[in-house]
Amino acid sequence: MTPPMLAIRDLNVWFGEPPDRVDAVKSADISVAQGESFGLVGESGSGKSTILRAVAGLIDSWSGDLQVAGLKVRGARRDRQFFKTVQMVFQDPYASLHPRHSVDAVLSETLHLQGIGNVDQRINKLLDDVGLGRSFRFRYPHQLSGGQRQRVAIARALAAEPRLLLLDEPTSALDVSVQAEILNLLSDLRAEHDLTYLMVTHDLAVVGHMCDRIAVMQHGRLVEELPVADLRRGAAKAEYTRGLIEASGSLGATA
């Protein structure tokens, strides 16, 4: 039996020490199958992005069981093999790219860190894959639009040839007109590269367009897990989830 691409069991994440300790995630269980797109939704402060950061190794104060592609993850340190399997795309493309590094430098550095050869050909292929083309290779972030910067960030994540992408609100910092383009790109890349997604968003229209299943978070806890088909039908069981659906209006707005 193939193990899930990502298995999270009894995950607890906290900040600070008693008496000021804040428990940001409490006893979370999530299983994401290989090739699946799974959404984490909830209001700001619900703990959804904290889960992504704990998985990525950006937070060291956590306990529980984390497994990626059947291999156990321990502590905050992540080795090269982990980053060959897992990459993260952050919310703000303006902050995630170094302003003095060209697109070529950003992608070259990632390829060298991962020990991947044929750098010249690989960069051109990455730019083609994200719909930019080779003319963007020697541009700097200030010469790119928000959507173009996020395409570069996605290309950087793909450079390691990962199997799992952690997507932290990947379109929320973009203009509405650009959001659908990036979501469609991510959908196409998932199909082309057999990728697995764990996506965090507060926008139910986004998960309705992108995800197979979702988990709803409130105050650090998972309150409900359901297929997106049930979400579209409004067939949620938890009162909190029904409230989110009612507040969101049309789930097809971003599709």
Protein backbone atom coordinates (compact mmCIF):
# COMPACT_ATOMS: atom_id res chain seq x y z
CA MET A 1 0.00 0.00 0.00
CA THR A 2 1.39 3.40 -1.01
CA PRO A 3 1.90 5.66 2.03
CA PRO A 4 0.37 9.15 1.95
CA MET A 5 2.61 11.87 0.61
CA LEU A 6 2.09 13.77 3.86
CA ALA A 7 0.90 12.31 7.15
CA ILE A 8 0.46 14.54 10.19
CA ARG A 9 -0.58 12.98 13.49
CA ASP A 10 -1.31 14.79 16.76
CA LEU A 11 0.57 17.91 15.69
CA ASN A 12 0.92 20.59 18.35
CA VAL A 13 2.68 23.89 17.66
CA TRP A 14 3.30 26.57 20.25
CA PHE A 15 5.11 29.87 20.71
CA GLY A 16 6.78 31.08 23.88
CA GLU A 17 7.08 29.48 27.30
CA PRO A 18 4.65 29.28 30.24
CA PRO A 19 2.98 31.36 31.50
CA ASP A 20 3.03 33.26 28.17
CA ARG A 21 2.91 30.18 25.90
CA VAL A 22 0.46 30.38 23.00
CA ASP A 23 -0.81 27.08 21.56
CA ALA A 24 -1.23 27.84 17.87
CA VAL A 25 -2.07 24.32 16.65
CA LYS A 26 -3.68 21.66 18.82
CA SER A 27 -3.72 17.92 18.06
CA ALA A 28 -4.02 18.24 14.27
CA ASP A 29 -4.32 15.12 12.10
CA ILE A 30 -4.00 15.45 8.30
CA SER A 31 -3.33 12.86 5.59
CA VAL A 32 -2.67 13.94 2.00
CA ALA A 33 -2.49 11.25 -0.67
CA GLN A 34 0.07 11.29 -3.45
CA GLY A 35 -1.21 13.50 -6.28
CA GLU A 36 -3.94 15.07 -4.15
CA SER A 37 -4.58 18.77 -3.64
CA PHE A 38 -5.63 19.36 -0.04
CA GLY A 39 -6.79 22.71 1.32
CA LEU A 40 -6.51 24.17 4.81
CA VAL A 41 -9.04 26.94 5.33
CA GLY A 42 -10.07 29.20 8.17
CA GLU A 43 -9.96 32.77 9.34
CA SER A 44 -6.74 34.65 10.06
CA GLY A 45 -5.06 33.31 13.18
CA SER A 46 -6.69 29.88 12.94
CA GLY A 47 -3.31 28.12 12.72
CA LYS A 48 -3.38 27.01 9.09
CA SER A 49 -0.14 28.73 7.97
CA THR A 50 1.53 27.59 11.19
CA ILE A 51 1.02 23.97 10.10
CA LEU A 52 2.77 24.66 6.79
CA ARG A 53 5.68 26.34 8.52
CA ALA A 54 6.09 23.49 10.98
CA VAL A 55 6.18 20.99 8.11
CA ALA A 56 8.71 23.13 6.22
CA GLY A 57 11.02 23.37 9.24
CA LEU A 58 10.48 27.08 9.82
CA ILE A 59 9.18 26.51 13.38
CA ASP A 60 11.04 24.39 15.91
CA SER A 61 8.50 24.35 18.77
CA TRP A 62 6.26 21.46 17.76
CA SER A 63 5.45 17.92 18.78
CA GLY A 64 3.68 15.02 17.11
CA ASP A 65 4.38 12.75 14.16
CA LEU A 66 5.28 14.09 10.70
CA GLN A 67 5.92 11.79 7.75
CA VAL A 68 6.69 12.80 4.17
CA ALA A 69 6.56 10.07 1.52
CA GLY A 70 6.70 7.49 4.30
CA LEU A 71 9.80 8.96 5.97
CA LYS A 72 9.63 10.38 9.49
CA VAL A 73 10.54 14.06 9.96
CA ARG A 74 12.14 15.05 13.24
CA GLY A 75 12.78 18.42 14.88
CA ALA A 76 13.25 21.63 12.92
CA ARG A 77 16.25 20.65 10.81
CA ARG A 78 15.55 19.58 7.23
CA ASP A 79 18.19 17.91 5.07
CA ARG A 80 18.75 18.17 1.32
CA GLN A 81 16.66 15.08 0.66
CA PHE A 82 13.68 16.70 2.39
CA PHE A 83 13.93 19.76 0.16
CA LYS A 84 14.19 17.56 -2.91
CA THR A 85 10.76 16.26 -1.91
CA VAL A 86 9.11 19.31 -0.35
CA GLN A 87 9.15 22.96 -1.40
CA MET A 88 7.12 25.96 -0.28
CA VAL A 89 5.59 28.87 -2.19
CA PHE A 90 5.01 31.88 0.05
CA GLN A 91 2.22 34.41 0.10
CA ASP A 92 4.07 37.55 -0.90
CA PRO A 93 6.13 37.39 -4.12
CA TYR A 94 7.51 40.86 -3.35
CA ALA A 95 9.11 39.65 -0.12
CA SER A 96 10.19 36.15 -1.18
CA LEU A 97 12.61 37.24 -3.95
CA HIS A 98 15.90 39.05 -3.26
CA PRO A 99 15.64 42.50 -4.90
CA ARG A 100 19.26 42.42 -6.12
CA HIS A 101 19.19 38.91 -7.57
CA SER A 102 18.15 38.36 -11.15
CA VAL A 103 15.77 35.55 -12.08
CA ASP A 104 18.79 33.68 -13.39
CA ALA A 105 20.61 34.05 -10.06
CA VAL A 106 17.56 32.94 -8.05
CA LEU A 107 17.09 29.77 -10.09
CA SER A 108 20.81 29.02 -10.48
CA GLU A 109 21.35 29.17 -6.72
CA THR A 110 18.51 26.72 -6.08
CA LEU A 111 19.75 24.28 -8.72
CA HIS A 112 23.31 24.38 -7.36
CA LEU A 113 22.08 23.85 -3.78
CA GLN A 114 20.17 20.78 -4.90
CA GLY A 115 23.12 19.42 -6.88
CA ILE A 116 21.19 19.53 -10.16
CA GLY A 117 23.25 19.79 -13.35
CA ASN A 118 22.50 21.18 -16.83
CA VAL A 119 21.72 24.51 -15.17
CA ASP A 120 21.37 26.49 -18.39
CA GLN A 121 18.87 24.11 -19.96
CA ARG A 122 17.05 23.59 -16.70
CA ILE A 123 16.48 27.32 -16.13
CA ASN A 124 15.05 27.75 -19.61
CA LYS A 125 12.73 24.78 -19.06
CA LEU A 126 11.56 26.13 -15.70
CA LEU A 127 10.74 29.53 -17.20
CA ASP A 128 8.82 27.85 -20.00
CA ASP A 129 6.95 25.68 -17.50
CA VAL A 130 5.66 28.69 -15.54
CA GLY A 131 4.67 30.63 -18.64
CA LEU A 132 7.35 33.33 -18.55
CA GLY A 133 9.74 32.33 -21.29
CA ARG A 134 13.46 32.82 -21.61
CA SER A 135 13.31 36.59 -22.15
CA PHE A 136 12.67 36.96 -18.39
CA ARG A 137 15.84 35.13 -17.37
CA PHE A 138 18.04 38.15 -16.67
CA ARG A 139 15.39 40.49 -15.30
CA TYR A 140 15.27 41.67 -11.69
CA PRO A 141 12.24 41.56 -9.38
CA HIS A 142 11.57 45.30 -9.76
CA GLN A 143 11.15 44.71 -13.50
CA LEU A 144 8.39 42.14 -12.93
CA SER A 145 4.71 42.42 -12.08
CA GLY A 146 3.31 40.71 -9.00
CA GLY A 147 2.04 37.78 -11.05
CA GLN A 148 5.39 37.42 -12.82
CA ARG A 149 7.23 37.42 -9.50
CA GLN A 150 4.97 34.67 -8.20
CA ARG A 151 5.69 32.66 -11.36
CA VAL A 152 9.41 33.01 -10.59
CA ALA A 153 8.76 31.87 -7.01
CA ILE A 154 6.90 28.83 -8.35
CA ALA A 155 9.76 28.11 -10.78
CA ARG A 156 12.20 28.28 -7.86
CA ALA A 157 10.09 25.76 -5.95
CA LEU A 158 9.96 23.46 -8.98
CA ALA A 159 13.73 23.65 -9.52
CA ALA A 160 14.37 20.91 -6.95
CA GLU A 161 11.87 18.64 -8.75
CA PRO A 162 9.78 18.20 -5.58
CA ARG A 163 6.80 15.92 -5.13
CA LEU A 164 4.97 18.03 -2.53
CA LEU A 165 4.35 21.78 -2.69
CA LEU A 166 3.27 23.75 0.37
CA LEU A 167 1.27 26.72 -0.89
CA ASP A 168 0.74 29.51 1.65
CA GLU A 169 -1.97 31.83 0.28
CA PRO A 170 -0.15 31.88 -3.09
CA THR A 171 -2.53 34.37 -4.74
CA SER A 172 -3.77 36.59 -1.90
CA ALA A 173 -1.17 39.33 -2.52
CA LEU A 174 -2.03 39.54 -6.23
CA ASP A 175 -4.58 41.55 -8.15
CA VAL A 176 -7.86 39.72 -8.68
CA SER A 177 -7.28 39.71 -12.43
CA VAL A 178 -4.01 37.79 -11.95
CA GLN A 179 -5.17 35.34 -9.29
CA ALA A 180 -7.02 33.04 -11.68
CA GLU A 181 -3.98 32.89 -13.99
CA ILE A 182 -1.73 31.69 -11.15
CA LEU A 183 -4.32 29.17 -9.92
CA ASN A 184 -4.72 27.77 -13.42
CA LEU A 185 -0.94 27.54 -13.74
CA LEU A 186 -0.74 25.60 -10.47
CA SER A 187 -3.50 23.26 -11.64
CA ASP A 188 -1.64 22.61 -14.90
CA LEU A 189 1.69 22.04 -13.12
CA ARG A 190 0.09 19.58 -10.73
CA ALA A 191 -1.17 17.50 -13.65
CA GLU A 192 2.04 17.75 -15.68
CA HIS A 193 4.45 16.93 -12.83
CA ASP A 194 2.23 14.65 -10.71
CA LEU A 195 2.55 17.05 -7.78
CA THR A 196 0.83 16.92 -4.40
CA TYR A 197 -0.41 20.19 -2.89
CA LEU A 198 -1.12 21.30 0.66
CA MET A 199 -2.66 24.73 0.19
CA VAL A 200 -3.52 27.29 2.85
CA THR A 201 -6.10 29.94 2.07
CA HIS A 202 -8.92 31.90 3.64
CA ASP A 203 -10.74 31.98 0.29
CA LEU A 204 -13.27 29.17 -0.23
CA ALA A 205 -13.52 30.02 -3.93
CA VAL A 206 -9.82 29.15 -4.26
CA VAL A 207 -10.15 25.72 -2.65
CA GLY A 208 -13.31 25.13 -4.65
CA HIS A 209 -11.23 25.61 -7.78
CA MET A 210 -7.99 23.92 -6.68
CA CYS A 211 -8.58 21.21 -4.08
CA ASP A 212 -10.01 17.72 -3.78
CA ARG A 213 -10.54 17.83 0.00
CA ILE A 214 -10.32 20.48 2.68
CA ALA A 215 -9.88 20.73 6.43
CA VAL A 216 -11.41 23.67 8.27
CA MET A 217 -9.50 25.23 11.19
CA GLN A 218 -10.71 27.38 14.05
CA HIS A 219 -8.62 28.52 17.04
CA GLY A 220 -5.83 26.06 16.25
CA ARG A 221 -8.05 22.99 15.90
CA LEU A 222 -9.37 21.10 12.90
CA VAL A 223 -13.15 21.30 13.19
CA GLU A 224 -14.13 19.44 10.03
CA GLU A 225 -12.74 17.66 6.99
CA LEU A 226 -14.82 17.25 3.84
CA PRO A 227 -14.61 16.71 0.09
CA VAL A 228 -14.77 19.88 -1.99
CA ALA A 229 -17.89 18.49 -3.68
CA ASP A 230 -19.64 18.69 -0.30
CA LEU A 231 -18.31 22.21 0.17
CA ARG A 232 -19.83 23.28 -3.14
CA ARG A 233 -23.17 21.76 -2.16
CA GLY A 234 -23.08 23.48 1.20
CA ALA A 235 -23.16 20.07 2.88
CA ALA A 236 -20.90 20.96 5.80
CA LYS A 237 -21.67 19.50 9.22
CA ALA A 238 -19.90 21.99 11.49
CA GLU A 239 -21.68 25.25 12.24
CA TYR A 240 -18.40 27.15 11.82
CA THR A 241 -17.91 25.73 8.31
CA ARG A 242 -21.48 26.59 7.33
CA GLY A 243 -20.81 30.13 8.51
CA LEU A 244 -17.70 30.37 6.33
CA ILE A 245 -19.64 29.13 3.31
CA GLU A 246 -22.43 31.63 3.91
CA ALA A 247 -19.95 34.48 4.30
CA SER A 248 -17.99 33.54 1.17
CA GLY A 249 -20.85 33.98 -1.31
CA SER A 250 -20.21 32.24 -4.63
CA LEU A 251 -17.65 29.42 -4.52
CA GLY A 252 -17.17 29.68 -8.25
CA ALA A 253 -15.90 33.27 -8.26
CA THR A 254 -12.24 32.37 -8.77
CA ALA A 255 -12.69 29.41 -11.08
